[in-house]
PDB file of all heavy atoms in Angstrom:
ATOM      1  N   ALA A   1     -49.619  86.768  36.634  1.00  0.00           N
ATOM      2  CA  ALA A   1     -50.934  87.392  36.677  1.00  0.00           C
ATOM      3  C   ALA A   1     -50.890  88.789  36.065  1.00  0.00           C
ATOM      4  O   ALA A   1     -49.866  89.483  36.112  1.00  0.00           O
ATOM      5  CB  ALA A   1     -51.435  87.469  38.122  1.00  0.00           C
ATOM      6  N   ALA A   2     -52.009  89.212  35.478  1.00  0.00           N
ATOM      7  CA  ALA A   2     -52.104  90.562  34.922  1.00  0.00           C
ATOM      8  C   ALA A   2     -52.070  91.583  36.051  1.00  0.00           C
ATOM      9  O   ALA A   2     -52.510  91.297  37.169  1.00  0.00           O
ATOM     10  CB  ALA A   2     -53.396  90.699  34.126  1.00  0.00           C
ATOM     11  N   PRO A   3     -51.554  92.786  35.794  1.00  0.00           N
ATOM     12  CA  PRO A   3     -51.480  93.809  36.844  1.00  0.00           C
ATOM     13  C   PRO A   3     -52.820  94.065  37.528  1.00  0.00           C
ATOM     14  O   PRO A   3     -52.876  94.219  38.754  1.00  0.00           O
ATOM     15  CB  PRO A   3     -50.993  95.052  36.094  1.00  0.00           C
ATOM     16  CG  PRO A   3     -50.206  94.511  34.946  1.00  0.00           C
ATOM     17  CD  PRO A   3     -50.907  93.248  34.537  1.00  0.00           C
ATOM     18  N   LYS A   4     -53.913  94.076  36.778  1.00  0.00           N
ATOM     19  CA  LYS A   4     -55.228  94.372  37.349  1.00  0.00           C
ATOM     20  C   LYS A   4     -55.723  93.279  38.296  1.00  0.00           C
ATOM     21  O   LYS A   4     -56.639  93.501  39.092  1.00  0.00           O
ATOM     22  CB  LYS A   4     -56.255  94.584  36.231  1.00  0.00           C
ATOM     23  CG  LYS A   4     -56.514  93.353  35.376  1.00  0.00           C
ATOM     24  CD  LYS A   4     -57.488  93.654  34.256  1.00  0.00           C
ATOM     25  CE  LYS A   4     -57.771  92.430  33.389  1.00  0.00           C
ATOM     26  NZ  LYS A   4     -58.429  91.361  34.106  1.00  0.00           N
ATOM     27  N   ASP A   5     -55.107  92.086  38.201  1.00  0.00           N
ATOM     28  CA  ASP A   5     -55.538  90.964  39.031  1.00  0.00           C
ATOM     29  C   ASP A   5     -54.676  90.780  40.276  1.00  0.00           C
ATOM     30  O   ASP A   5     -54.849  89.797  40.998  1.00  0.00           O
ATOM     31  CB  ASP A   5     -55.524  89.669  38.207  1.00  0.00           C
ATOM     32  CG  ASP A   5     -56.492  89.714  37.031  1.00  0.00           C
ATOM     33  OD1 ASP A   5     -57.546  90.366  37.169  1.00  0.00           O
ATOM     34  OD2 ASP A   5     -56.196  89.116  35.980  1.00  0.00           O
ATOM     35  N   ARG A   6     -53.758  91.697  40.533  1.00  0.00           N
ATOM     36  CA  ARG A   6     -52.813  91.518  41.653  1.00  0.00           C
ATOM     37  C   ARG A   6     -53.245  92.237  42.927  1.00  0.00           C
ATOM     38  O   ARG A   6     -52.617  92.066  43.972  1.00  0.00           O
ATOM     39  CB  ARG A   6     -51.416  91.991  41.247  1.00  0.00           C
ATOM     40  CG  ARG A   6     -50.859  91.197  40.065  1.00  0.00           C
ATOM     41  CD  ARG A   6     -49.399  91.471  39.837  1.00  0.00           C
ATOM     42  NE  ARG A   6     -48.902  90.702  38.692  1.00  0.00           N
ATOM     43  CZ  ARG A   6     -47.646  90.330  38.510  1.00  0.00           C
ATOM     44  NH1 ARG A   6     -46.741  90.649  39.418  1.00  0.00           N
ATOM     45  NH2 ARG A   6     -47.296  89.645  37.449  1.00  0.00           N
ATOM     46  N   ASP A   7     -54.254  93.069  42.842  1.00  0.00           N
ATOM     47  CA  ASP A   7     -54.754  93.824  43.997  1.00  0.00           C
ATOM     48  C   ASP A   7     -53.648  94.675  44.616  1.00  0.00           C
ATOM     49  O   ASP A   7     -53.401  94.653  45.821  1.00  0.00           O
ATOM     50  CB  ASP A   7     -55.358  92.887  45.044  1.00  0.00           C
ATOM     51  CG  ASP A   7     -56.263  93.629  46.023  1.00  0.00           C
ATOM     52  OD1 ASP A   7     -56.563  94.810  45.764  1.00  0.00           O
ATOM     53  OD2 ASP A   7     -56.652  93.039  47.046  1.00  0.00           O
ATOM     54  N   ILE A   8     -52.964  95.430  43.747  1.00  0.00           N
ATOM     55  CA  ILE A   8     -51.947  96.373  44.195  1.00  0.00           C
ATOM     56  C   ILE A   8     -52.338  97.767  43.696  1.00  0.00           C
ATOM     57  O   ILE A   8     -53.112  97.914  42.746  1.00  0.00           O
ATOM     58  CB  ILE A   8     -50.530  95.996  43.708  1.00  0.00           C
ATOM     59  CG1 ILE A   8     -50.483  95.977  42.175  1.00  0.00           C
ATOM     60  CG2 ILE A   8     -50.103  94.657  44.256  1.00  0.00           C
ATOM     61  CD1 ILE A   8     -49.903  97.202  41.553  1.00  0.00           C
ATOM     62  N   ALA A   9     -51.804  98.794  44.332  1.00  0.00           N
ATOM     63  CA  ALA A   9     -51.999 100.168  43.874  1.00  0.00           C
ATOM     64  C   ALA A   9     -50.623 100.808  43.739  1.00  0.00           C
ATOM     65  O   ALA A   9     -49.797 100.696  44.637  1.00  0.00           O
ATOM     66  CB  ALA A   9     -52.870 100.954  44.847  1.00  0.00           C
ATOM     67  N   MET A  10     -50.405 101.472  42.605  1.00  0.00           N
ATOM     68  CA  MET A  10     -49.091 102.021  42.293  1.00  0.00           C
ATOM     69  C   MET A  10     -49.116 103.548  42.422  1.00  0.00           C
ATOM     70  O   MET A  10     -50.056 104.201  41.975  1.00  0.00           O
ATOM     71  CB  MET A  10     -48.710 101.628  40.865  1.00  0.00           C
ATOM     72  CG  MET A  10     -47.275 101.902  40.499  1.00  0.00           C
ATOM     73  SD  MET A  10     -46.250 100.437  40.694  1.00  0.00           S
ATOM     74  CE  MET A  10     -44.695 101.025  40.039  1.00  0.00           C
ATOM     75  N   VAL A  11     -48.092 104.092  43.045  1.00  0.00           N
ATOM     76  CA  VAL A  11     -47.896 105.538  43.097  1.00  0.00           C
ATOM     77  C   VAL A  11     -46.605 105.839  42.348  1.00  0.00           C
ATOM     78  O   VAL A  11     -45.534 105.367  42.731  1.00  0.00           O
ATOM     79  CB  VAL A  11     -47.803 106.053  44.546  1.00  0.00           C
ATOM     80  CG1 VAL A  11     -47.602 107.567  44.564  1.00  0.00           C
ATOM     81  CG2 VAL A  11     -49.068 105.685  45.327  1.00  0.00           C
ATOM     82  N   PHE A  12     -46.714 106.639  41.274  1.00  0.00           N
ATOM     83  CA  PHE A  12     -45.574 106.873  40.390  1.00  0.00           C
ATOM     84  C   PHE A  12     -44.848 108.162  40.733  1.00  0.00           C
ATOM     85  O   PHE A  12     -45.369 109.051  41.429  1.00  0.00           O
ATOM     86  CB  PHE A  12     -46.039 106.934  38.932  1.00  0.00           C
ATOM     87  CG  PHE A  12     -46.600 105.642  38.400  1.00  0.00           C
ATOM     88  CD1 PHE A  12     -47.965 105.409  38.408  1.00  0.00           C
ATOM     89  CD2 PHE A  12     -45.761 104.663  37.890  1.00  0.00           C
ATOM     90  CE1 PHE A  12     -48.491 104.219  37.913  1.00  0.00           C
ATOM     91  CE2 PHE A  12     -46.279 103.476  37.400  1.00  0.00           C
ATOM     92  CZ  PHE A  12     -47.643 103.253  37.410  1.00  0.00           C
ATOM     93  N   GLN A  13     -43.664 108.289  40.161  1.00  0.00           N
ATOM     94  CA  GLN A  13     -42.822 109.459  40.348  1.00  0.00           C
ATOM     95  C   GLN A  13     -43.479 110.718  39.771  1.00  0.00           C
ATOM     96  O   GLN A  13     -43.380 111.799  40.334  1.00  0.00           O
ATOM     97  CB  GLN A  13     -41.472 109.210  39.672  1.00  0.00           C
ATOM     98  CG  GLN A  13     -40.506 110.373  39.690  1.00  0.00           C
ATOM     99  CD  GLN A  13     -39.190 110.012  39.013  1.00  0.00           C
ATOM    100  OE1 GLN A  13     -38.865 108.850  38.833  1.00  0.00           O
ATOM    101  NE2 GLN A  13     -38.442 111.015  38.619  1.00  0.00           N
ATOM    102  N   ASN A  14     -44.161 110.581  38.623  1.00  0.00           N
ATOM    103  CA  ASN A  14     -44.709 111.753  37.928  1.00  0.00           C
ATOM    104  C   ASN A  14     -46.190 111.983  38.204  1.00  0.00           C
ATOM    105  O   ASN A  14     -46.879 112.663  37.441  1.00  0.00           O
ATOM    106  CB  ASN A  14     -44.486 111.616  36.427  1.00  0.00           C
ATOM    107  CG  ASN A  14     -45.177 110.394  35.846  1.00  0.00           C
ATOM    108  OD1 ASN A  14     -45.808 109.626  36.574  1.00  0.00           O
ATOM    109  ND2 ASN A  14     -45.069 110.207  34.538  1.00  0.00           N
ATOM    110  N   TYR A  15     -46.709 111.373  39.270  1.00  0.00           N
ATOM    111  CA  TYR A  15     -48.086 111.539  39.735  1.00  0.00           C
ATOM    112  C   TYR A  15     -49.104 110.842  38.847  1.00  0.00           C
ATOM    113  O   TYR A  15     -50.061 110.256  39.331  1.00  0.00           O
ATOM    114  CB  TYR A  15     -48.498 113.023  39.892  1.00  0.00           C
ATOM    115  CG  TYR A  15     -47.461 113.913  40.509  1.00  0.00           C
ATOM    116  CD1 TYR A  15     -47.209 115.173  40.005  1.00  0.00           C
ATOM    117  CD2 TYR A  15     -46.700 113.492  41.604  1.00  0.00           C
ATOM    118  CE1 TYR A  15     -46.254 116.011  40.561  1.00  0.00           C
ATOM    119  CE2 TYR A  15     -45.737 114.313  42.180  1.00  0.00           C
ATOM    120  CZ  TYR A  15     -45.519 115.570  41.646  1.00  0.00           C
ATOM    121  OH  TYR A  15     -44.572 116.382  42.198  1.00  0.00           O
ATOM    122  N   ALA A  16     -48.961 110.954  37.498  1.00  0.00           N
ATOM    123  CA  ALA A  16     -49.850 110.290  36.536  1.00  0.00           C
ATOM    124  C   ALA A  16     -51.315 110.656  36.761  1.00  0.00           C
ATOM    125  O   ALA A  16     -52.195 109.796  36.762  1.00  0.00           O
ATOM    126  CB  ALA A  16     -49.667 108.773  36.605  1.00  0.00           C
ATOM    127  N   LEU A  17     -51.574 111.957  36.942  1.00  0.00           N
ATOM    128  CA  LEU A  17     -52.946 112.435  37.125  1.00  0.00           C
ATOM    129  C   LEU A  17     -53.523 112.872  35.777  1.00  0.00           C
ATOM    130  O   LEU A  17     -52.799 113.337  34.896  1.00  0.00           O
ATOM    131  CB  LEU A  17     -52.983 113.612  38.098  1.00  0.00           C
ATOM    132  CG  LEU A  17     -52.441 113.353  39.509  1.00  0.00           C
ATOM    133  CD1 LEU A  17     -52.479 114.642  40.325  1.00  0.00           C
ATOM    134  CD2 LEU A  17     -53.226 112.255  40.203  1.00  0.00           C
ATOM    135  N   TYR A  18     -54.838 112.736  35.629  1.00  0.00           N
ATOM    136  CA  TYR A  18     -55.507 113.210  34.418  1.00  0.00           C
ATOM    137  C   TYR A  18     -55.745 114.712  34.547  1.00  0.00           C
ATOM    138  O   TYR A  18     -56.474 115.159  35.438  1.00  0.00           O
ATOM    139  CB  TYR A  18     -56.842 112.483  34.234  1.00  0.00           C
ATOM    140  CG  TYR A  18     -56.699 111.006  33.976  1.00  0.00           C
ATOM    141  CD1 TYR A  18     -57.017 110.078  34.969  1.00  0.00           C
ATOM    142  CD2 TYR A  18     -56.232 110.534  32.754  1.00  0.00           C
ATOM    143  CE1 TYR A  18     -56.884 108.711  34.745  1.00  0.00           C
ATOM    144  CE2 TYR A  18     -56.094 109.171  32.514  1.00  0.00           C
ATOM    145  CZ  TYR A  18     -56.420 108.270  33.514  1.00  0.00           C
ATOM    146  OH  TYR A  18     -56.275 106.922  33.276  1.00  0.00           O
ATOM    147  N   PRO A  19     -55.145 115.532  33.659  1.00  0.00           N
ATOM    148  CA  PRO A  19     -55.218 116.993  33.818  1.00  0.00           C
ATOM    149  C   PRO A  19     -56.621 117.561  33.631  1.00  0.00           C
ATOM    150  O   PRO A  19     -56.940 118.628  34.165  1.00  0.00           O
ATOM    151  CB  PRO A  19     -54.263 117.516  32.742  1.00  0.00           C
ATOM    152  CG  PRO A  19     -54.172 116.420  31.727  1.00  0.00           C
ATOM    153  CD  PRO A  19     -54.319 115.139  32.501  1.00  0.00           C
ATOM    154  N   HIS A  20     -57.484 116.870  32.870  1.00  0.00           N
ATOM    155  CA  HIS A  20     -58.819 117.403  32.590  1.00  0.00           C
ATOM    156  C   HIS A  20     -59.831 117.027  33.666  1.00  0.00           C
ATOM    157  O   HIS A  20     -60.969 117.494  33.645  1.00  0.00           O
ATOM    158  CB  HIS A  20     -59.314 116.894  31.230  1.00  0.00           C
ATOM    159  CG  HIS A  20     -59.469 115.405  31.173  1.00  0.00           C
ATOM    160  ND1 HIS A  20     -58.382 114.560  31.083  1.00  0.00           N
ATOM    161  CD2 HIS A  20     -60.579 114.605  31.209  1.00  0.00           C
ATOM    162  CE1 HIS A  20     -58.812 113.300  31.048  1.00  0.00           C
ATOM    163  NE2 HIS A  20     -60.139 113.307  31.135  1.00  0.00           N
ATOM    164  N   MET A  21     -59.431 116.168  34.614  1.00  0.00           N
ATOM    165  CA  MET A  21     -60.338 115.734  35.677  1.00  0.00           C
ATOM    166  C   MET A  21     -60.081 116.506  36.968  1.00  0.00           C
ATOM    167  O   MET A  21     -58.959 116.944  37.233  1.00  0.00           O
ATOM    168  CB  MET A  21     -60.156 114.238  35.970  1.00  0.00           C
ATOM    169  CG  MET A  21     -60.597 113.313  34.880  1.00  0.00           C
ATOM    170  SD  MET A  21     -60.412 111.593  35.455  1.00  0.00           S
ATOM    171  CE  MET A  21     -60.925 110.699  33.981  1.00  0.00           C
ATOM    172  N   THR A  22     -61.120 116.625  37.790  1.00  0.00           N
ATOM    173  CA  THR A  22     -60.951 117.214  39.120  1.00  0.00           C
ATOM    174  C   THR A  22     -60.209 116.230  40.021  1.00  0.00           C
ATOM    175  O   THR A  22     -60.020 115.057  39.677  1.00  0.00           O
ATOM    176  CB  THR A  22     -62.310 117.534  39.764  1.00  0.00           C
ATOM    177  OG1 THR A  22     -63.015 116.298  39.970  1.00  0.00           O
ATOM    178  CG2 THR A  22     -63.125 118.467  38.891  1.00  0.00           C
ATOM    179  N   VAL A  23     -59.806 116.727  41.190  1.00  0.00           N
ATOM    180  CA  VAL A  23     -59.148 115.863  42.173  1.00  0.00           C
ATOM    181  C   VAL A  23     -60.051 114.694  42.537  1.00  0.00           C
ATOM    182  O   VAL A  23     -59.617 113.531  42.593  1.00  0.00           O
ATOM    183  CB  VAL A  23     -58.789 116.677  43.433  1.00  0.00           C
ATOM    184  CG1 VAL A  23     -58.395 115.761  44.590  1.00  0.00           C
ATOM    185  CG2 VAL A  23     -57.656 117.637  43.123  1.00  0.00           C
ATOM    186  N   ALA A  24     -61.332 114.971  42.783  1.00  0.00           N
ATOM    187  CA  ALA A  24     -62.266 113.906  43.156  1.00  0.00           C
ATOM    188  C   ALA A  24     -62.372 112.858  42.057  1.00  0.00           C
ATOM    189  O   ALA A  24     -62.376 111.649  42.329  1.00  0.00           O
ATOM    190  CB  ALA A  24     -63.638 114.507  43.456  1.00  0.00           C
TER     191      ALA A  24
END
């Protein structure tokens, strides 16, 4: 199955946050 179809949420080592977006 594709990752989007597995109903999982991943937390990575490097946070993988979008720098131009707010926390919300």
